[in-house]
Structures are given as C-alpha cells and as structure tokens.
C-alpha atoms as a PDB file:
ATOM      1  CA  UNK A   1     149.342-112.769 118.340  1.00  0.00           C
ATOM      2  CA  UNK A   2     147.265-116.172 119.245  1.00  0.00           C
ATOM      3  CA  UNK A   3     148.224-117.768 122.729  1.00  0.00           C
ATOM      4  CA  UNK A   4     148.103-121.449 123.504  1.00  0.00           C
ATOM      5  CA  UNK A   5     148.043-123.167 126.809  1.00  0.00           C
ATOM      6  CA  UNK A   6     149.903-126.210 127.755  1.00  0.00           C
ATOM      7  CA  UNK A   7     148.717-128.608 130.280  1.00  0.00           C
ATOM      8  CA  UNK A   8     150.259-131.616 132.259  1.00  0.00           C
ATOM      9  CA  UNK A   9     154.086-130.749 131.309  1.00  0.00           C
ATOM     10  CA  UNK A  10     156.047-133.410 132.870  1.00  0.00           C
ATOM     11  CA  UNK A  11     158.152-131.489 135.477  1.00  0.00           C
ATOM     12  CA  UNK A  12     161.786-133.170 134.173  1.00  0.00           C
ATOM     13  CA  UNK A  13     160.644-131.443 130.587  1.00  0.00           C
ATOM     14  CA  UNK A  14     159.715-127.920 132.527  1.00  0.00           C
ATOM     15  CA  UNK A  15     162.950-128.214 134.342  1.00  0.00           C
ATOM     16  CA  UNK A  16     165.062-129.074 131.195  1.00  0.00           C
ATOM     17  CA  UNK A  17     163.165-125.900 129.380  1.00  0.00           C
ATOM     18  CA  UNK A  18     163.857-123.839 132.628  1.00  0.00           C
ATOM     19  CA  UNK A  19     167.687-124.479 132.224  1.00  0.00           C
ATOM     20  CA  UNK A  20     167.974-123.932 128.553  1.00  0.00           C
ATOM     21  CA  UNK A  21     166.219-120.694 128.893  1.00  0.00           C
ATOM     22  CA  UNK A  22     168.471-119.808 131.477  1.00  0.00           C
ATOM     23  CA  UNK A  23     171.566-120.798 129.557  1.00  0.00           C
ATOM     24  CA  UNK A  24     170.032-118.881 126.454  1.00  0.00           C
ATOM     25  CA  UNK A  25     169.389-116.133 128.738  1.00  0.00           C
ATOM     26  CA  UNK A  26     165.814-116.430 127.148  1.00  0.00           C
ATOM     27  CA  UNK A  27     162.388-116.055 128.573  1.00  0.00           C
ATOM     28  CA  UNK A  28     160.418-119.597 129.150  1.00  0.00           C
ATOM     29  CA  UNK A  29     157.899-118.682 126.553  1.00  0.00           C
ATOM     30  CA  UNK A  30     160.866-117.728 124.003  1.00  0.00           C
ATOM     31  CA  UNK A  31     162.511-120.848 124.846  1.00  0.00           C
ATOM     32  CA  UNK A  32     159.392-122.739 124.042  1.00  0.00           C
ATOM     33  CA  UNK A  33     158.759-120.674 120.624  1.00  0.00           C
ATOM     34  CA  UNK A  34     162.417-121.746 119.742  1.00  0.00           C
ATOM     35  CA  UNK A  35     162.235-125.547 120.554  1.00  0.00           C
ATOM     36  CA  UNK A  36     158.702-125.529 118.554  1.00  0.00           C
ATOM     37  CA  UNK A  37     160.254-123.879 115.529  1.00  0.00           C
ATOM     38  CA  UNK A  38     163.449-126.224 115.776  1.00  0.00           C
ATOM     39  CA  UNK A  39     161.437-129.234 116.086  1.00  0.00           C
ATOM     40  CA  UNK A  40     158.994-128.039 113.014  1.00  0.00           C
ATOM     41  CA  UNK A  41     162.004-127.592 110.798  1.00  0.00           C
ATOM     42  CA  UNK A  42     163.445-130.930 111.728  1.00  0.00           C
ATOM     43  CA  UNK A  43     159.865-132.711 111.317  1.00  0.00           C
ATOM     44  CA  UNK A  44     159.490-130.583 107.716  1.00  0.00           C
ATOM     45  CA  UNK A  45     163.014-132.010 106.510  1.00  0.00           C
ATOM     46  CA  UNK A  46     162.120-135.261 107.510  1.00  0.00           C
ATOM     47  CA  UNK A  47     158.883-135.172 105.611  1.00  0.00           C
ATOM     48  CA  UNK A  48     160.401-133.650 102.551  1.00  0.00           C
ATOM     49  CA  UNK A  49     162.989-136.801 102.511  1.00  0.00           C
ATOM     50  CA  UNK A  50     160.486-139.491 103.666  1.00  0.00           C
ATOM     51  CA  UNK A  51     159.231-141.794 100.871  1.00  0.00           C
ATOM     52  CA  UNK A  52     155.646-140.864  99.755  1.00  0.00           C
ATOM     53  CA  UNK A  53     153.057-143.689 100.963  1.00  0.00           C
ATOM     54  CA  UNK A  54     150.761-145.133  98.354  1.00  0.00           C
ATOM     55  CA  UNK A  55     147.068-144.340  98.654  1.00  0.00           C
ATOM     56  CA  UNK A  56     145.913-147.331  97.492  1.00  0.00           C
ATOM     57  CA  UNK A  57     142.274-148.751  98.706  1.00  0.00           C
ATOM     58  CA  UNK A  58     142.100-152.109 100.799  1.00  0.00           C
ATOM     59  CA  UNK A  59     140.546-153.661  97.796  1.00  0.00           C
ATOM     60  CA  UNK A  60     143.783-152.795  95.232  1.00  0.00           C
ATOM     61  CA  UNK A  61     146.315-153.677  97.863  1.00  0.00           C
ATOM     62  CA  UNK A  62     144.708-157.369  98.046  1.00  0.00           C
ATOM     63  CA  UNK A  63     144.031-157.396  94.379  1.00  0.00           C
ATOM     64  CA  UNK A  64     147.796-156.762  94.119  1.00  0.00           C
ATOM     65  CA  UNK A  65     149.159-159.321  97.021  1.00  0.00           C
ATOM     66  CA  UNK A  66     146.889-161.904  95.103  1.00  0.00           C
ATOM     67  CA  UNK A  67     148.424-161.194  91.819  1.00  0.00           C
ATOM     68  CA  UNK A  68     151.929-161.370  93.362  1.00  0.00           C
ATOM     69  CA  UNK A  69     150.949-164.709  95.321  1.00  0.00           C
ATOM     70  CA  UNK A  70     152.244-167.968  94.386  1.00  0.00           C
ATOM     71  CA  UNK A  71     154.759-165.746  91.437  1.00  0.00           C
ATOM     72  CA  UNK A  72     158.028-167.248  92.754  1.00  0.00           C
ATOM     73  CA  UNK A  73     159.291-170.483  91.448  1.00  0.00           C
ATOM     74  CA  UNK A  74     162.115-172.642  92.790  1.00  0.00           C
ATOM     75  CA  UNK A  75     162.628-176.117  92.491  1.00  0.00           C
ATOM     76  CA  UNK A  76     164.968-176.392  95.599  1.00  0.00           C
ATOM     77  CA  UNK A  77     163.918-177.687  98.660  1.00  0.00           C
ATOM     78  CA  UNK A  78     162.716-175.037 101.657  1.00  0.00           C
ATOM     79  CA  UNK A  79     165.934-175.363 103.710  1.00  0.00           C
ATOM     80  CA  UNK A  80     168.174-175.010 101.034  1.00  0.00           C
ATOM     81  CA  UNK A  81     166.390-171.653  99.538  1.00  0.00           C
ATOM     82  CA  UNK A  82     166.185-170.430 103.517  1.00  0.00           C
ATOM     83  CA  UNK A  83     169.946-171.420 103.952  1.00  0.00           C
ATOM     84  CA  UNK A  84     170.649-169.299 100.687  1.00  0.00           C
ATOM     85  CA  UNK A  85     168.781-166.326 101.841  1.00  0.00           C
ATOM     86  CA  UNK A  86     170.440-166.720 105.386  1.00  0.00           C
ATOM     87  CA  UNK A  87     174.020-166.965 103.769  1.00  0.00           C
ATOM     88  CA  UNK A  88     173.359-163.798 101.656  1.00  0.00           C
ATOM     89  CA  UNK A  89     172.742-161.502 104.653  1.00  0.00           C
ATOM     90  CA  UNK A  90     175.167-159.322 105.719  1.00  0.00           C
ATOM     91  CA  UNK A  91     176.724-159.526 109.399  1.00  0.00           C
ATOM     92  CA  UNK A  92     175.468-156.230 110.368  1.00  0.00           C
ATOM     93  CA  UNK A  93     177.569-153.892 112.463  1.00  0.00           C
ATOM     94  CA  UNK A  94     179.814-154.793 115.902  1.00  0.00           C
ATOM     95  CA  UNK A  95     178.230-154.060 119.063  1.00  0.00           C
ATOM     96  CA  UNK A  96     179.988-153.432 122.294  1.00  0.00           C
ATOM     97  CA  UNK A  97     178.552-153.262 125.406  1.00  0.00           C
END
C-alpha cells in the first residue's frame, strides 16, 4: 500500500488525533485514515449536492452582463425603490449573546 508523509502538523491537531486514537483504541495511523475517509465522504456528499458552476468564458459572461444592464425599468424615485427592497426583507433570526 502506498505511504505518505505529512509535515508540519500543528501540535494541537496532533494531540486531538492522539486523544481520539486512545478513545477509539486505534493506532494513530488508523485514526488518521478513519478521519480522512470520513472527511472525504462528507466532502463528496457536499460536492454532489452543490450547484454546478457554469464554465463560461470571460467574454461570454461580459456579454451576458451587458445584455442585462439597463433592463430594469421603474418610474419610482431611487429612495422609494430602496425603501421597498428594505421593507420586503425578512428580519432574520434572533441572536442572543
């Protein structure tokens, strides 16, 4: 099986891995493999559910933005439009500190 070397592991990270390996009764090597496998599984799941990024060229993006620019027509004054936008926003969630 291939092997790798990981350099410059912060002391606090190494200590956390050591603690987990003792709790789970695994070697440090096995614990690191479990952490990597779990992290890759989570990452893969996130990637599968993430929206696909369009791969448009800069020229195509610029062309689309130019087509969209100036399309919004509204006879109201700017202050009234902004007030309408702010009023339609949700208050958000309550935060307790």
